[in-house]
Amino acid sequence: MVDKDVLTTPEDDKKAYLAAQKRRNIAIGLGLLAFVVLVFLVSIIRMTQGVQAAHGG
């Protein structure tokens, strides 16, 4: 059912679309950042373990 009192304009639709797109972009960016940090930390841990094993630690 459509409410006849509420009319949306193309400008309102575009603003809503851009706001949703911005939220999605932020979420994707944060997810990518978390992945990069995770890969970095795992790499550092594995390299540290390799150095310790090579030096008999």
N, C-alpha and C. Protein backbone atom coordinates (compact mmCIF):
# COMPACT_ATOMS: atom_id res chain seq x y z
N MET A 1 0.84 -1.17 0.00
CA MET A 1 0.00 0.00 0.00
C MET A 1 0.89 1.24 0.00
N VAL A 2 0.57 2.21 -0.80
CA VAL A 2 1.37 3.42 -0.94
C VAL A 2 0.71 4.55 -0.17
N ASP A 3 1.52 5.24 0.62
CA ASP A 3 1.03 6.40 1.36
C ASP A 3 1.07 7.60 0.43
N LYS A 4 -0.08 8.19 0.16
CA LYS A 4 -0.16 9.29 -0.79
C LYS A 4 0.38 10.60 -0.21
N ASP A 5 0.55 10.67 1.11
CA ASP A 5 1.07 11.89 1.72
C ASP A 5 2.59 11.99 1.59
N VAL A 6 3.25 10.87 1.36
CA VAL A 6 4.70 10.87 1.27
C VAL A 6 5.09 10.67 -0.19
N LEU A 7 5.66 11.71 -0.76
CA LEU A 7 6.13 11.63 -2.13
C LEU A 7 7.65 11.76 -2.13
N THR A 8 8.31 10.88 -2.83
CA THR A 8 9.75 10.98 -2.93
C THR A 8 10.11 11.55 -4.28
N THR A 9 11.12 12.36 -4.28
CA THR A 9 11.60 12.95 -5.52
C THR A 9 12.85 12.20 -5.96
N PRO A 10 13.20 12.32 -7.21
CA PRO A 10 14.44 11.67 -7.65
C PRO A 10 15.66 12.15 -6.85
N GLU A 11 15.63 13.40 -6.41
CA GLU A 11 16.73 13.93 -5.61
C GLU A 11 16.80 13.22 -4.25
N ASP A 12 15.63 12.98 -3.64
CA ASP A 12 15.60 12.25 -2.36
C ASP A 12 16.09 10.82 -2.55
N ASP A 13 15.67 10.20 -3.65
CA ASP A 13 16.10 8.84 -3.94
C ASP A 13 17.62 8.78 -4.12
N LYS A 14 18.16 9.78 -4.81
CA LYS A 14 19.60 9.81 -5.04
C LYS A 14 20.35 10.00 -3.73
N LYS A 15 19.84 10.87 -2.86
CA LYS A 15 20.48 11.09 -1.56
C LYS A 15 20.47 9.81 -0.73
N ALA A 16 19.35 9.12 -0.72
CA ALA A 16 19.24 7.87 0.04
C ALA A 16 20.18 6.82 -0.55
N TYR A 17 20.25 6.75 -1.86
CA TYR A 17 21.14 5.80 -2.52
C TYR A 17 22.60 6.09 -2.18
N LEU A 18 22.98 7.35 -2.25
CA LEU A 18 24.36 7.72 -1.95
C LEU A 18 24.70 7.48 -0.48
N ALA A 19 23.75 7.72 0.41
CA ALA A 19 23.99 7.47 1.84
C ALA A 19 24.19 5.97 2.09
N ALA A 20 23.36 5.15 1.46
CA ALA A 20 23.50 3.70 1.62
C ALA A 20 24.82 3.22 1.00
N GLN A 21 25.18 3.79 -0.13
CA GLN A 21 26.43 3.42 -0.78
C GLN A 21 27.63 3.79 0.10
N LYS A 22 27.55 4.95 0.74
CA LYS A 22 28.64 5.38 1.63
C LYS A 22 28.78 4.42 2.81
N ARG A 23 27.65 4.00 3.39
CA ARG A 23 27.70 3.04 4.50
C ARG A 23 28.30 1.71 4.05
N ARG A 24 27.91 1.25 2.87
CA ARG A 24 28.48 -0.01 2.35
C ARG A 24 29.98 0.13 2.12
N ASN A 25 30.39 1.25 1.55
CA ASN A 25 31.81 1.46 1.29
C ASN A 25 32.62 1.48 2.58
N ILE A 26 32.08 2.10 3.62
CA ILE A 26 32.77 2.14 4.91
C ILE A 26 32.87 0.73 5.48
N ALA A 27 31.79 -0.03 5.40
CA ALA A 27 31.80 -1.41 5.91
C ALA A 27 32.82 -2.26 5.15
N ILE A 28 32.86 -2.13 3.84
CA ILE A 28 33.82 -2.90 3.04
C ILE A 28 35.25 -2.47 3.38
N GLY A 29 35.46 -1.17 3.54
CA GLY A 29 36.78 -0.67 3.89
C GLY A 29 37.26 -1.19 5.24
N LEU A 30 36.36 -1.18 6.22
CA LEU A 30 36.72 -1.69 7.55
C LEU A 30 37.01 -3.18 7.51
N GLY A 31 36.22 -3.92 6.74
CA GLY A 31 36.46 -5.35 6.59
C GLY A 31 37.81 -5.62 5.93
N LEU A 32 38.13 -4.85 4.91
CA LEU A 32 39.41 -5.00 4.22
C LEU A 32 40.57 -4.65 5.15
N LEU A 33 40.42 -3.59 5.91
CA LEU A 33 41.45 -3.20 6.88
C LEU A 33 41.67 -4.30 7.92
N ALA A 34 40.58 -4.87 8.43
CA ALA A 34 40.70 -5.95 9.41
C ALA A 34 41.42 -7.15 8.81
N PHE A 35 41.13 -7.48 7.56
CA PHE A 35 41.80 -8.59 6.89
C PHE A 35 43.29 -8.33 6.73
N VAL A 36 43.65 -7.12 6.33
CA VAL A 36 45.06 -6.77 6.15
C VAL A 36 45.80 -6.86 7.48
N VAL A 37 45.19 -6.35 8.55
CA VAL A 37 45.81 -6.42 9.87
C VAL A 37 45.98 -7.88 10.30
N LEU A 38 44.98 -8.70 10.06
CA LEU A 38 45.07 -10.11 10.41
C LEU A 38 46.20 -10.80 9.66
N VAL A 39 46.30 -10.58 8.36
CA VAL A 39 47.37 -11.18 7.56
C VAL A 39 48.73 -10.69 8.05
N PHE A 40 48.84 -9.41 8.37
CA PHE A 40 50.10 -8.86 8.87
C PHE A 40 50.50 -9.52 10.18
N LEU A 41 49.56 -9.63 11.11
CA LEU A 41 49.88 -10.22 12.41
C LEU A 41 50.26 -11.69 12.28
N VAL A 42 49.54 -12.43 11.46
CA VAL A 42 49.87 -13.85 11.26
C VAL A 42 51.26 -13.97 10.62
N SER A 43 51.57 -13.11 9.68
CA SER A 43 52.90 -13.14 9.04
C SER A 43 54.00 -12.85 10.05
N ILE A 44 53.81 -11.85 10.89
CA ILE A 44 54.81 -11.50 11.90
C ILE A 44 55.01 -12.66 12.87
N ILE A 45 53.92 -13.27 13.31
CA ILE A 45 54.01 -14.40 14.24
C ILE A 45 54.76 -15.56 13.61
N ARG A 46 54.44 -15.87 12.36
CA ARG A 46 55.11 -17.00 11.69
C ARG A 46 56.59 -16.71 11.45
N MET A 47 56.92 -15.47 11.09
CA MET A 47 58.33 -15.13 10.89
C MET A 47 59.10 -15.19 12.21
N THR A 48 58.47 -14.74 13.28
CA THR A 48 59.11 -14.79 14.60
C THR A 48 59.37 -16.24 15.00
N GLN A 49 58.42 -17.11 14.76
CA GLN A 49 58.59 -18.53 15.08
C GLN A 49 59.71 -19.14 14.24
N GLY A 50 59.81 -18.73 12.99
CA GLY A 50 60.86 -19.24 12.11
C GLY A 50 62.24 -18.80 12.56
N VAL A 51 62.36 -17.55 12.99
CA VAL A 51 63.64 -17.03 13.47
C VAL A 51 64.04 -17.74 14.76
N GLN A 52 63.09 -17.95 15.64
CA GLN A 52 63.39 -18.63 16.90
C GLN A 52 63.84 -20.07 16.65
N ALA A 53 63.20 -20.75 15.71
CA ALA A 53 63.56 -22.13 15.40
C ALA A 53 64.95 -22.20 14.77
N ALA A 54 65.29 -21.22 13.94
CA ALA A 54 66.59 -21.21 13.27
C ALA A 54 67.73 -20.96 14.25
N HIS A 55 67.45 -20.22 15.31
CA HIS A 55 68.48 -19.90 16.30
C HIS A 55 68.42 -20.82 17.51
N GLY A 56 67.63 -21.86 17.43
CA GLY A 56 67.54 -22.83 18.52
C GLY A 56 66.82 -22.31 19.74
N GLY A 57 65.88 -21.36 19.52
CA GLY A 57 65.18 -20.75 20.66
C GLY A 57 63.94 -21.38 20.95
